């Protein structure tokens, strides 16, 4: 089963959110329907970037990287943020 690291952008205030999941469509639905406490106040969300991994541990490592200063700078350099 593939795992995904994804970046969302809030269409209400322009902020971003990074997460990981095995079901990207379901997770985006959850973010946009208030099922996630950390994102419900900034709805709606739009998927702006994703990467696919073979294992959950790889996805988690990449998610943690994107949440770091270096990872944020990498996303900005790629024009994602």
PDB file of N, CA and C in Angstrom:
ATOM      1  N   UNK A   1       0.845  -1.175   0.000  1.00  0.00           N
ATOM      2  CA  UNK A   1       0.000   0.000   0.000  1.00  0.00           C
ATOM      3  C   UNK A   1       0.889   1.236   0.000  1.00  0.00           C
ATOM      4  N   UNK A   2       0.650   2.162  -0.921  1.00  0.00           N
ATOM      5  CA  UNK A   2       1.466   3.381  -0.939  1.00  0.00           C
ATOM      6  C   UNK A   2       1.044   4.356   0.155  1.00  0.00           C
ATOM      7  N   UNK A   3       1.986   5.186   0.543  1.00  0.00           N
ATOM      8  CA  UNK A   3       1.733   6.259   1.507  1.00  0.00           C
ATOM      9  C   UNK A   3       2.112   7.571   0.845  1.00  0.00           C
ATOM     10  N   UNK A   4       1.458   8.617   1.236  1.00  0.00           N
ATOM     11  CA  UNK A   4       1.661   9.922   0.627  1.00  0.00           C
ATOM     12  C   UNK A   4       2.013  10.956   1.672  1.00  0.00           C
ATOM     13  N   UNK A   5       2.911  11.849   1.291  1.00  0.00           N
ATOM     14  CA  UNK A   5       3.144  13.077   2.032  1.00  0.00           C
ATOM     15  C   UNK A   5       2.508  14.155   1.172  1.00  0.00           C
ATOM     16  N   UNK A   6       1.749  15.031   1.819  1.00  0.00           N
ATOM     17  CA  UNK A   6       1.017  16.031   1.045  1.00  0.00           C
ATOM     18  C   UNK A   6       1.134  17.404   1.687  1.00  0.00           C
ATOM     19  N   UNK A   7       0.960  18.407   0.836  1.00  0.00           N
ATOM     20  CA  UNK A   7       0.940  19.789   1.295  1.00  0.00           C
ATOM     21  C   UNK A   7      -0.382  20.385   0.849  1.00  0.00           C
ATOM     22  N   UNK A   8      -1.082  20.986   1.805  1.00  0.00           N
ATOM     23  CA  UNK A   8      -2.344  21.657   1.521  1.00  0.00           C
ATOM     24  C   UNK A   8      -2.156  23.152   1.677  1.00  0.00           C
ATOM     25  N   UNK A   9      -2.947  23.908   0.934  1.00  0.00           N
ATOM     26  CA  UNK A   9      -2.953  25.361   1.085  1.00  0.00           C
ATOM     27  C   UNK A   9      -4.370  25.795   1.425  1.00  0.00           C
ATOM     28  N   UNK A  10      -4.494  26.627   2.438  1.00  0.00           N
ATOM     29  CA  UNK A  10      -5.794  27.154   2.845  1.00  0.00           C
ATOM     30  C   UNK A  10      -6.217  28.236   1.862  1.00  0.00           C
ATOM     31  N   UNK A  11      -7.411  28.081   1.311  1.00  0.00           N
ATOM     32  CA  UNK A  11      -7.919  29.093   0.398  1.00  0.00           C
ATOM     33  C   UNK A  11      -8.493  30.288   1.162  1.00  0.00           C
ATOM     34  N   UNK A  12      -8.653  30.164   2.480  1.00  0.00           N
ATOM     35  CA  UNK A  12      -9.187  31.274   3.258  1.00  0.00           C
ATOM     36  C   UNK A  12      -8.110  32.238   3.740  1.00  0.00           C
ATOM     37  N   UNK A  13      -6.919  31.713   4.105  1.00  0.00           N
ATOM     38  CA  UNK A  13      -5.877  32.619   4.600  1.00  0.00           C
ATOM     39  C   UNK A  13      -4.488  32.375   4.006  1.00  0.00           C
ATOM     40  N   UNK A  14      -4.361  31.406   3.111  1.00  0.00           N
ATOM     41  CA  UNK A  14      -3.082  31.164   2.435  1.00  0.00           C
ATOM     42  C   UNK A  14      -2.071  30.361   3.219  1.00  0.00           C
ATOM     43  N   UNK A  15      -2.422  29.905   4.422  1.00  0.00           N
ATOM     44  CA  UNK A  15      -1.484  29.098   5.208  1.00  0.00           C
ATOM     45  C   UNK A  15      -1.359  27.705   4.600  1.00  0.00           C
ATOM     46  N   UNK A  16      -0.367  26.958   5.064  1.00  0.00           N
ATOM     47  CA  UNK A  16      -0.144  25.619   4.525  1.00  0.00           C
ATOM     48  C   UNK A  16      -0.181  24.584   5.635  1.00  0.00           C
ATOM     49  N   UNK A  17      -0.372  23.330   5.232  1.00  0.00           N
ATOM     50  CA  UNK A  17      -0.418  22.204   6.164  1.00  0.00           C
ATOM     51  C   UNK A  17       0.277  21.031   5.498  1.00  0.00           C
ATOM     52  N   UNK A  18       1.127  20.325   6.246  1.00  0.00           N
ATOM     53  CA  UNK A  18       1.837  19.152   5.747  1.00  0.00           C
ATOM     54  C   UNK A  18       1.385  17.936   6.548  1.00  0.00           C
ATOM     55  N   UNK A  19       1.099  16.833   5.858  1.00  0.00           N
ATOM     56  CA  UNK A  19       0.693  15.613   6.538  1.00  0.00           C
ATOM     57  C   UNK A  19       1.060  14.382   5.730  1.00  0.00           C
ATOM     58  N   UNK A  20       0.705  13.211   6.253  1.00  0.00           N
ATOM     59  CA  UNK A  20       0.916  11.965   5.521  1.00  0.00           C
ATOM     60  C   UNK A  20      -0.327  11.087   5.679  1.00  0.00           C
ATOM     61  N   UNK A  21      -0.550  10.208   4.714  1.00  0.00           N
ATOM     62  CA  UNK A  21      -1.726   9.348   4.722  1.00  0.00           C
ATOM     63  C   UNK A  21      -1.543   8.202   3.732  1.00  0.00           C
ATOM     64  N   UNK A  22      -2.381   7.191   3.869  1.00  0.00           N
ATOM     65  CA  UNK A  22      -2.406   6.111   2.875  1.00  0.00           C
ATOM     66  C   UNK A  22      -3.572   6.286   1.918  1.00  0.00           C
ATOM     67  N   UNK A  23      -4.486   7.220   2.212  1.00  0.00           N
ATOM     68  CA  UNK A  23      -5.642   7.469   1.350  1.00  0.00           C
ATOM     69  C   UNK A  23      -5.800   8.977   1.197  1.00  0.00           C
ATOM     70  N   UNK A  24      -5.205   9.500   0.153  1.00  0.00           N
ATOM     71  CA  UNK A  24      -5.141  10.947  -0.035  1.00  0.00           C
ATOM     72  C   UNK A  24      -6.519  11.567  -0.252  1.00  0.00           C
ATOM     73  N   UNK A  25      -7.365  10.936  -1.053  1.00  0.00           N
ATOM     74  CA  UNK A  25      -8.701  11.486  -1.313  1.00  0.00           C
ATOM     75  C   UNK A  25      -9.527  11.566  -0.030  1.00  0.00           C
ATOM     76  N   UNK A  26      -9.485  10.506   0.758  1.00  0.00           N
ATOM     77  CA  UNK A  26     -10.237  10.483   2.017  1.00  0.00           C
ATOM     78  C   UNK A  26      -9.710  11.546   2.978  1.00  0.00           C
ATOM     79  N   UNK A  27      -8.395  11.681   3.050  1.00  0.00           N
ATOM     80  CA  UNK A  27      -7.801  12.637   3.991  1.00  0.00           C
ATOM     81  C   UNK A  27      -8.129  14.076   3.599  1.00  0.00           C
ATOM     82  N   UNK A  28      -8.094  14.383   2.308  1.00  0.00           N
ATOM     83  CA  UNK A  28      -8.454  15.724   1.850  1.00  0.00           C
ATOM     84  C   UNK A  28      -9.922  16.009   2.171  1.00  0.00           C
ATOM     85  N   UNK A  29     -10.789  15.017   1.977  1.00  0.00           N
ATOM     86  CA  UNK A  29     -12.200  15.151   2.335  1.00  0.00           C
ATOM     87  C   UNK A  29     -12.340  15.466   3.823  1.00  0.00           C
ATOM     88  N   UNK A  30     -11.592  14.753   4.655  1.00  0.00           N
ATOM     89  CA  UNK A  30     -11.650  14.982   6.099  1.00  0.00           C
ATOM     90  C   UNK A  30     -11.207  16.396   6.467  1.00  0.00           C
ATOM     91  N   UNK A  31     -10.135  16.878   5.840  1.00  0.00           N
ATOM     92  CA  UNK A  31      -9.661  18.234   6.119  1.00  0.00           C
ATOM     93  C   UNK A  31     -10.731  19.265   5.732  1.00  0.00           C
ATOM     94  N   UNK A  32     -11.374  19.058   4.606  1.00  0.00           N
ATOM     95  CA  UNK A  32     -12.345  20.031   4.112  1.00  0.00           C
ATOM     96  C   UNK A  32     -13.714  19.924   4.762  1.00  0.00           C
ATOM     97  N   UNK A  33     -13.938  18.891   5.547  1.00  0.00           N
ATOM     98  CA  UNK A  33     -15.231  18.713   6.201  1.00  0.00           C
ATOM     99  C   UNK A  33     -15.137  18.782   7.725  1.00  0.00           C
ATOM    100  N   UNK A  34     -14.065  19.392   8.227  1.00  0.00           N
ATOM    101  CA  UNK A  34     -13.940  19.666   9.647  1.00  0.00           C
ATOM    102  C   UNK A  34     -13.627  18.476  10.528  1.00  0.00           C
ATOM    103  N   UNK A  35     -13.135  17.381   9.965  1.00  0.00           N
ATOM    104  CA  UNK A  35     -12.821  16.189  10.754  1.00  0.00           C
ATOM    105  C   UNK A  35     -11.466  16.285  11.444  1.00  0.00           C
ATOM    106  N   UNK A  36     -10.652  17.251  11.054  1.00  0.00           N
ATOM    107  CA  UNK A  36      -9.327  17.435  11.644  1.00  0.00           C
ATOM    108  C   UNK A  36      -9.328  18.718  12.473  1.00  0.00           C
ATOM    109  N   UNK A  37      -9.076  18.583  13.769  1.00  0.00           N
ATOM    110  CA  UNK A  37      -9.098  19.752  14.655  1.00  0.00           C
ATOM    111  C   UNK A  37      -8.095  20.822  14.241  1.00  0.00           C
ATOM    112  N   UNK A  38      -6.939  20.391  13.752  1.00  0.00           N
ATOM    113  CA  UNK A  38      -5.881  21.357  13.450  1.00  0.00           C
ATOM    114  C   UNK A  38      -6.131  22.141  12.167  1.00  0.00           C
ATOM    115  N   UNK A  39      -7.068  21.707  11.320  1.00  0.00           N
ATOM    116  CA  UNK A  39      -7.286  22.404  10.053  1.00  0.00           C
ATOM    117  C   UNK A  39      -8.712  22.911   9.856  1.00  0.00           C
ATOM    118  N   UNK A  40      -9.611  22.602  10.759  1.00  0.00           N
ATOM    119  CA  UNK A  40     -11.019  22.934  10.508  1.00  0.00           C
ATOM    120  C   UNK A  40     -11.314  24.423  10.411  1.00  0.00           C
ATOM    121  N   UNK A  41     -10.544  25.259  11.085  1.00  0.00           N
ATOM    122  CA  UNK A  41     -10.838  26.694  11.073  1.00  0.00           C
ATOM    123  C   UNK A  41     -10.329  27.417   9.828  1.00  0.00           C
ATOM    124  N   UNK A  42      -9.529  26.744   9.019  1.00  0.00           N
ATOM    125  CA  UNK A  42      -8.936  27.402   7.847  1.00  0.00           C
ATOM    126  C   UNK A  42      -9.437  26.811   6.533  1.00  0.00           C
ATOM    127  N   UNK A  43     -10.585  26.182   6.563  1.00  0.00           N
ATOM    128  CA  UNK A  43     -11.170  25.593   5.357  1.00  0.00           C
ATOM    129  C   UNK A  43     -11.605  26.673   4.380  1.00  0.00           C
ATOM    130  N   UNK A  44     -11.662  26.365   3.104  1.00  0.00           N
ATOM    131  CA  UNK A  44     -11.347  25.102   2.431  1.00  0.00           C
ATOM    132  C   UNK A  44      -9.848  24.961   2.141  1.00  0.00           C
ATOM    133  N   UNK A  45      -9.447  23.707   1.950  1.00  0.00           N
ATOM    134  CA  UNK A  45      -8.066  23.360   1.659  1.00  0.00           C
ATOM    135  C   UNK A  45      -7.941  22.843   0.238  1.00  0.00           C
ATOM    136  N   UNK A  46      -6.797  23.155  -0.388  1.00  0.00           N
ATOM    137  CA  UNK A  46      -6.509  22.692  -1.744  1.00  0.00           C
ATOM    138  C   UNK A  46      -5.180  21.942  -1.717  1.00  0.00           C
ATOM    139  N   UNK A  47      -5.150  20.780  -2.345  1.00  0.00           N
ATOM    140  CA  UNK A  47      -3.912  20.000  -2.442  1.00  0.00           C
ATOM    141  C   UNK A  47      -2.979  20.690  -3.434  1.00  0.00           C
ATOM    142  N   UNK A  48      -1.754  21.027  -2.982  1.00  0.00           N
ATOM    143  CA  UNK A  48      -0.814  21.704  -3.874  1.00  0.00           C
ATOM    144  C   UNK A  48       0.431  20.872  -4.174  1.00  0.00           C
ATOM    145  N   UNK A  49       0.663  19.790  -3.390  1.00  0.00           N
ATOM    146  CA  UNK A  49       1.853  18.971  -3.629  1.00  0.00           C
ATOM    147  C   UNK A  49       1.682  17.624  -2.954  1.00  0.00           C
ATOM    148  N   UNK A  50       2.238  16.589  -3.586  1.00  0.00           N
ATOM    149  CA  UNK A  50       2.231  15.258  -2.985  1.00  0.00           C
ATOM    150  C   UNK A  50       3.430  14.460  -3.452  1.00  0.00           C
ATOM    151  N   UNK A  51       3.876  13.561  -2.590  1.00  0.00           N
ATOM    152  CA  UNK A  51       4.931  12.599  -2.916  1.00  0.00           C
ATOM    153  C   UNK A  51       4.457  11.234  -2.442  1.00  0.00           C
ATOM    154  N   UNK A  52       4.829  10.188  -3.178  1.00  0.00           N
ATOM    155  CA  UNK A  52       4.405   8.827  -2.848  1.00  0.00           C
ATOM    156  C   UNK A  52       5.584   8.002  -2.342  1.00  0.00           C
ATOM    157  N   UNK A  53       5.321   7.155  -1.320  1.00  0.00           N
ATOM    158  CA  UNK A  53       6.354   6.307  -0.721  1.00  0.00           C
ATOM    159  C   UNK A  53       5.825   4.890  -0.560  1.00  0.00           C
ATOM    160  N   UNK A  54       6.736   3.934  -0.505  1.00  0.00           N
ATOM    161  CA  UNK A  54       6.351   2.532  -0.353  1.00  0.00           C
ATOM    162  C   UNK A  54       6.005   2.176   1.084  1.00  0.00           C
ATOM    163  N   UNK A  55       6.626   2.876   2.045  1.00  0.00           N
ATOM    164  CA  UNK A  55       6.381   2.542   3.448  1.00  0.00           C
ATOM    165  C   UNK A  55       5.927   3.774   4.225  1.00  0.00           C
ATOM    166  N   UNK A  56       5.208   3.523   5.304  1.00  0.00           N
ATOM    167  CA  UNK A  56       4.738   4.606   6.161  1.00  0.00           C
ATOM    168  C   UNK A  56       5.925   5.310   6.824  1.00  0.00           C
ATOM    169  N   UNK A  57       6.937   4.539   7.205  1.00  0.00           N
ATOM    170  CA  UNK A  57       8.095   5.151   7.878  1.00  0.00           C
ATOM    171  C   UNK A  57       8.808   6.142   6.955  1.00  0.00           C
ATOM    172  N   UNK A  58       8.904   5.848   5.661  1.00  0.00           N
ATOM    173  CA  UNK A  58       9.510   6.790   4.718  1.00  0.00           C
ATOM    174  C   UNK A  58       8.680   8.066   4.625  1.00  0.00           C
ATOM    175  N   UNK A  59       7.362   7.887   4.578  1.00  0.00           N
ATOM    176  CA  UNK A  59       6.465   9.046   4.484  1.00  0.00           C
ATOM    177  C   UNK A  59       6.571   9.921   5.735  1.00  0.00           C
ATOM    178  N   UNK A  60       6.635   9.304   6.884  1.00  0.00           N
ATOM    179  CA  UNK A  60       6.734  10.057   8.136  1.00  0.00           C
ATOM    180  C   UNK A  60       8.043  10.850   8.189  1.00  0.00           C
ATOM    181  N   UNK A  61       9.145  10.225   7.760  1.00  0.00           N
ATOM    182  CA  UNK A  61      10.428  10.941   7.740  1.00  0.00           C
ATOM    183  C   UNK A  61      10.362  12.153   6.823  1.00  0.00           C
ATOM    184  N   UNK A  62       9.753  11.985   5.658  1.00  0.00           N
ATOM    185  CA  UNK A  62       9.639  13.100   4.707  1.00  0.00           C
ATOM    186  C   UNK A  62       8.718  14.192   5.251  1.00  0.00           C
ATOM    187  N   UNK A  63       7.618  13.796   5.899  1.00  0.00           N
ATOM    188  CA  UNK A  63       6.716  14.765   6.514  1.00  0.00           C
ATOM    189  C   UNK A  63       7.458  15.589   7.561  1.00  0.00           C
ATOM    190  N   UNK A  64       8.223  14.925   8.402  1.00  0.00           N
ATOM    191  CA  UNK A  64       8.988  15.633   9.434  1.00  0.00           C
ATOM    192  C   UNK A  64       9.996  16.588   8.798  1.00  0.00           C
ATOM    193  N   UNK A  65      10.593  16.150   7.700  1.00  0.00           N
ATOM    194  CA  UNK A  65      11.529  17.025   6.989  1.00  0.00           C
ATOM    195  C   UNK A  65      10.818  18.284   6.507  1.00  0.00           C
ATOM    196  N   UNK A  66       9.646  18.122   5.867  1.00  0.00           N
ATOM    197  CA  UNK A  66       8.916  19.282   5.351  1.00  0.00           C
ATOM    198  C   UNK A  66       8.449  20.215   6.457  1.00  0.00           C
ATOM    199  N   UNK A  67       8.303  19.699   7.666  1.00  0.00           N
ATOM    200  CA  UNK A  67       7.894  20.535   8.793  1.00  0.00           C
ATOM    201  C   UNK A  67       9.071  21.244   9.448  1.00  0.00           C
ATOM    202  N   UNK A  68      10.276  20.912   9.021  1.00  0.00           N
ATOM    203  CA  UNK A  68      11.476  21.569   9.549  1.00  0.00           C
ATOM    204  C   UNK A  68      11.765  22.839   8.750  1.00  0.00           C
ATOM    205  N   UNK A  69      12.669  23.650   9.264  1.00  0.00           N
ATOM    206  CA  UNK A  69      13.052  24.875   8.553  1.00  0.00           C
ATOM    207  C   UNK A  69      13.657  24.536   7.199  1.00  0.00           C
ATOM    208  N   UNK A  70      14.543  23.538   7.171  1.00  0.00           N
ATOM    209  CA  UNK A  70      15.161  23.137   5.897  1.00  0.00           C
ATOM    210  C   UNK A  70      14.116  22.666   4.898  1.00  0.00           C
ATOM    211  N   UNK A  71      13.158  21.890   5.382  1.00  0.00           N
ATOM    212  CA  UNK A  71      12.105  21.388   4.501  1.00  0.00           C
ATOM    213  C   UNK A  71      11.229  22.496   3.954  1.00  0.00           C
ATOM    214  N   UNK A  72      10.890  23.456   4.806  1.00  0.00           N
ATOM    215  CA  UNK A  72      10.091  24.617   4.352  1.00  0.00           C
ATOM    216  C   UNK A  72      10.862  25.401   3.293  1.00  0.00           C
ATOM    217  N   UNK A  73      12.158  25.569   3.521  1.00  0.00           N
ATOM    218  CA  UNK A  73      12.977  26.274   2.531  1.00  0.00           C
ATOM    219  C   UNK A  73      13.035  25.505   1.206  1.00  0.00           C
ATOM    220  N   UNK A  74      13.097  24.178   1.291  1.00  0.00           N
ATOM    221  CA  UNK A  74      13.094  23.340   0.074  1.00  0.00           C
ATOM    222  C   UNK A  74      11.784  23.526  -0.693  1.00  0.00           C
ATOM    223  N   UNK A  75      10.668  23.506   0.018  1.00  0.00           N
ATOM    224  CA  UNK A  75       9.370  23.696  -0.630  1.00  0.00           C
ATOM    225  C   UNK A  75       9.262  25.090  -1.261  1.00  0.00           C
ATOM    226  N   UNK A  76       9.809  26.093  -0.587  1.00  0.00           N
ATOM    227  CA  UNK A  76       9.800  27.440  -1.144  1.00  0.00           C
ATOM    228  C   UNK A  76      10.684  27.529  -2.380  1.00  0.00           C
ATOM    229  N   UNK A  77      11.854  26.881  -2.345  1.00  0.00           N
ATOM    230  CA  UNK A  77      12.771  26.897  -3.488  1.00  0.00           C
ATOM    231  C   UNK A  77      12.141  26.231  -4.709  1.00  0.00           C
ATOM    232  N   UNK A  78      11.316  25.217  -4.478  1.00  0.00           N
ATOM    233  CA  UNK A  78      10.626  24.532  -5.580  1.00  0.00           C
ATOM    234  C   UNK A  78       9.382  25.302  -6.055  1.00  0.00           C
ATOM    235  N   UNK A  79       9.043  26.388  -5.363  1.00  0.00           N
ATOM    236  CA  UNK A  79       7.880  27.184  -5.737  1.00  0.00           C
ATOM    237  C   UNK A  79       6.562  26.608  -5.248  1.00  0.00           C
ATOM    238  N   UNK A  80       6.632  25.712  -4.280  1.00  0.00           N
ATOM    239  CA  UNK A  80       5.417  25.078  -3.765  1.00  0.00           C
ATOM    240  C   UNK A  80       4.771  25.947  -2.701  1.00  0.00           C
ATOM    241  N   UNK A  81       5.574  26.554  -1.848  1.00  0.00           N
ATOM    242  CA  UNK A  81       5.051  27.457  -0.807  1.00  0.00           C
ATOM    243  C   UNK A  81       5.326  28.903  -1.169  1.00  0.00           C
TER     244      UNK A  81
END
